[in-house]
Amino acid sequence: MIKRHSDVVLEINAHDPDTIENDLNTAVEIARTHAMQERRHGILVTQHGYTSYTVAVSRDVPFGQTHERREQPANSQTETGPGR
């Protein structure tokens, strides 16, 4: 399922790989269309979990490029230090 937050941020939530792939491709095309109109920003695809993604037009990505990143869950970081 694609949930549109605005013209530049789309949220994807799905549980089977085929739906995830299809929804991501659709969302990237929607974002690309918007990015092409302004010709200033690129597209950022962020994986938040196995079934949750966002696709956004981002000023942090150069125009004409698509970057991917995986967000680290808050509880996956382990504390390290003396005696640990």
C-alpha atoms as a PDB file:
ATOM      1  CA  MET A   1       0.000   0.000   0.000  1.00  0.00           C
ATOM      2  CA  ILE A   2       1.289   3.451  -0.908  1.00  0.00           C
ATOM      3  CA  LYS A   3       0.259   6.262   1.415  1.00  0.00           C
ATOM      4  CA  ARG A   4       0.876   9.731   0.040  1.00  0.00           C
ATOM      5  CA  HIS A   5       1.950  12.275   2.665  1.00  0.00           C
ATOM      6  CA  SER A   6       2.580  15.033   0.122  1.00  0.00           C
ATOM      7  CA  ASP A   7       3.836  15.396  -3.420  1.00  0.00           C
ATOM      8  CA  VAL A   8       7.338  14.717  -2.207  1.00  0.00           C
ATOM      9  CA  VAL A   9       6.957  12.000   0.485  1.00  0.00           C
ATOM     10  CA  LEU A  10       5.345   8.618  -0.075  1.00  0.00           C
ATOM     11  CA  GLU A  11       5.113   5.816   2.489  1.00  0.00           C
ATOM     12  CA  ILE A  12       5.122   2.151   1.464  1.00  0.00           C
ATOM     13  CA  ASN A  13       3.922  -0.643   3.747  1.00  0.00           C
ATOM     14  CA  ALA A  14       3.575  -4.175   2.418  1.00  0.00           C
ATOM     15  CA  HIS A  15       4.307  -7.710   3.572  1.00  0.00           C
ATOM     16  CA  ASP A  16       5.126  -9.675   0.436  1.00  0.00           C
ATOM     17  CA  PRO A  17       8.229  -9.013  -1.686  1.00  0.00           C
ATOM     18  CA  ASP A  18       6.367  -8.613  -4.993  1.00  0.00           C
ATOM     19  CA  THR A  19       4.062  -5.937  -3.571  1.00  0.00           C
ATOM     20  CA  ILE A  20       6.989  -4.134  -1.952  1.00  0.00           C
ATOM     21  CA  GLU A  21       8.902  -4.092  -5.244  1.00  0.00           C
ATOM     22  CA  ASN A  22       5.894  -2.927  -7.275  1.00  0.00           C
ATOM     23  CA  ASP A  23       4.932  -0.241  -4.756  1.00  0.00           C
ATOM     24  CA  LEU A  24       8.518   1.021  -4.494  1.00  0.00           C
ATOM     25  CA  ASN A  25       8.814   1.255  -8.273  1.00  0.00           C
ATOM     26  CA  THR A  26       5.514   3.148  -8.472  1.00  0.00           C
ATOM     27  CA  ALA A  27       6.484   5.517  -5.661  1.00  0.00           C
ATOM     28  CA  VAL A  28       9.886   6.234  -7.233  1.00  0.00           C
ATOM     29  CA  GLU A  29       8.182   7.066 -10.542  1.00  0.00           C
ATOM     30  CA  ILE A  30       5.777   9.452  -8.767  1.00  0.00           C
ATOM     31  CA  ALA A  31       8.705  11.132  -6.971  1.00  0.00           C
ATOM     32  CA  ARG A  32      10.758  11.250 -10.182  1.00  0.00           C
ATOM     33  CA  THR A  33       7.936  13.050 -11.998  1.00  0.00           C
ATOM     34  CA  HIS A  34       7.824  15.670  -9.248  1.00  0.00           C
ATOM     35  CA  ALA A  35      11.625  16.014  -9.117  1.00  0.00           C
ATOM     36  CA  MET A  36      11.805  16.496 -12.896  1.00  0.00           C
ATOM     37  CA  GLN A  37       9.380  19.420 -12.704  1.00  0.00           C
ATOM     38  CA  GLU A  38      11.531  21.354 -10.231  1.00  0.00           C
ATOM     39  CA  ARG A  39      14.928  20.108 -11.484  1.00  0.00           C
ATOM     40  CA  ARG A  40      16.605  20.793  -8.137  1.00  0.00           C
ATOM     41  CA  HIS A  41      16.487  17.670  -5.975  1.00  0.00           C
ATOM     42  CA  GLY A  42      16.955  13.923  -6.232  1.00  0.00           C
ATOM     43  CA  ILE A  43      15.124  10.965  -4.706  1.00  0.00           C
ATOM     44  CA  LEU A  44      15.830   9.273  -1.377  1.00  0.00           C
ATOM     45  CA  VAL A  45      14.468   5.775  -0.678  1.00  0.00           C
ATOM     46  CA  THR A  46      14.656   4.828   3.012  1.00  0.00           C
ATOM     47  CA  GLN A  47      14.020   1.358   4.418  1.00  0.00           C
ATOM     48  CA  HIS A  48      12.600   1.650   7.939  1.00  0.00           C
ATOM     49  CA  GLY A  49      12.020  -2.080   8.432  1.00  0.00           C
ATOM     50  CA  TYR A  50      11.374  -5.215   6.411  1.00  0.00           C
ATOM     51  CA  THR A  51       7.921  -3.996   5.377  1.00  0.00           C
ATOM     52  CA  SER A  52       8.163  -0.209   5.674  1.00  0.00           C
ATOM     53  CA  TYR A  53       9.772   2.327   3.322  1.00  0.00           C
ATOM     54  CA  THR A  54       9.551   5.985   2.391  1.00  0.00           C
ATOM     55  CA  VAL A  55      10.315   7.545  -0.967  1.00  0.00           C
ATOM     56  CA  ALA A  56      10.965  11.282  -0.937  1.00  0.00           C
ATOM     57  CA  VAL A  57      12.201  14.090  -3.127  1.00  0.00           C
ATOM     58  CA  SER A  58      15.190  15.244  -1.084  1.00  0.00           C
ATOM     59  CA  ARG A  59      17.410  18.316  -1.220  1.00  0.00           C
ATOM     60  CA  ASP A  60      20.168  16.078   0.206  1.00  0.00           C
ATOM     61  CA  VAL A  61      20.285  14.097  -3.045  1.00  0.00           C
ATOM     62  CA  PRO A  62      21.626  15.726  -6.233  1.00  0.00           C
ATOM     63  CA  PHE A  63      19.150  16.215  -9.076  1.00  0.00           C
ATOM     64  CA  GLY A  64      19.000  13.201 -11.374  1.00  0.00           C
ATOM     65  CA  GLN A  65      20.125  10.723  -8.708  1.00  0.00           C
ATOM     66  CA  THR A  66      18.341   8.214  -6.490  1.00  0.00           C
ATOM     67  CA  HIS A  67      19.967   7.233  -3.198  1.00  0.00           C
ATOM     68  CA  GLU A  68      18.977   4.388  -0.905  1.00  0.00           C
ATOM     69  CA  ARG A  69      19.540   4.102   2.823  1.00  0.00           C
ATOM     70  CA  ARG A  70      18.597   1.702   5.580  1.00  0.00           C
ATOM     71  CA  GLU A  71      17.492   3.267   8.839  1.00  0.00           C
ATOM     72  CA  GLN A  72      18.899   1.538  11.898  1.00  0.00           C
ATOM     73  CA  PRO A  73      16.281   0.652  14.527  1.00  0.00           C
ATOM     74  CA  ALA A  74      16.862   2.522  17.804  1.00  0.00           C
ATOM     75  CA  ASN A  75      17.131  -0.706  19.808  1.00  0.00           C
ATOM     76  CA  SER A  76      19.767  -2.282  17.522  1.00  0.00           C
ATOM     77  CA  GLN A  77      22.575  -0.085  18.826  1.00  0.00           C
ATOM     78  CA  THR A  78      24.497  -1.632  21.667  1.00  0.00           C
ATOM     79  CA  GLU A  79      26.341   0.346  24.282  1.00  0.00           C
ATOM     80  CA  THR A  80      30.066  -0.151  24.433  1.00  0.00           C
ATOM     81  CA  GLY A  81      32.606   1.176  26.836  1.00  0.00           C
ATOM     82  CA  PRO A  82      35.036   0.185  29.552  1.00  0.00           C
ATOM     83  CA  GLY A  83      34.175  -3.148  31.092  1.00  0.00           C
ATOM     84  CA  ARG A  84      31.453  -4.011  28.578  1.00  0.00           C
END
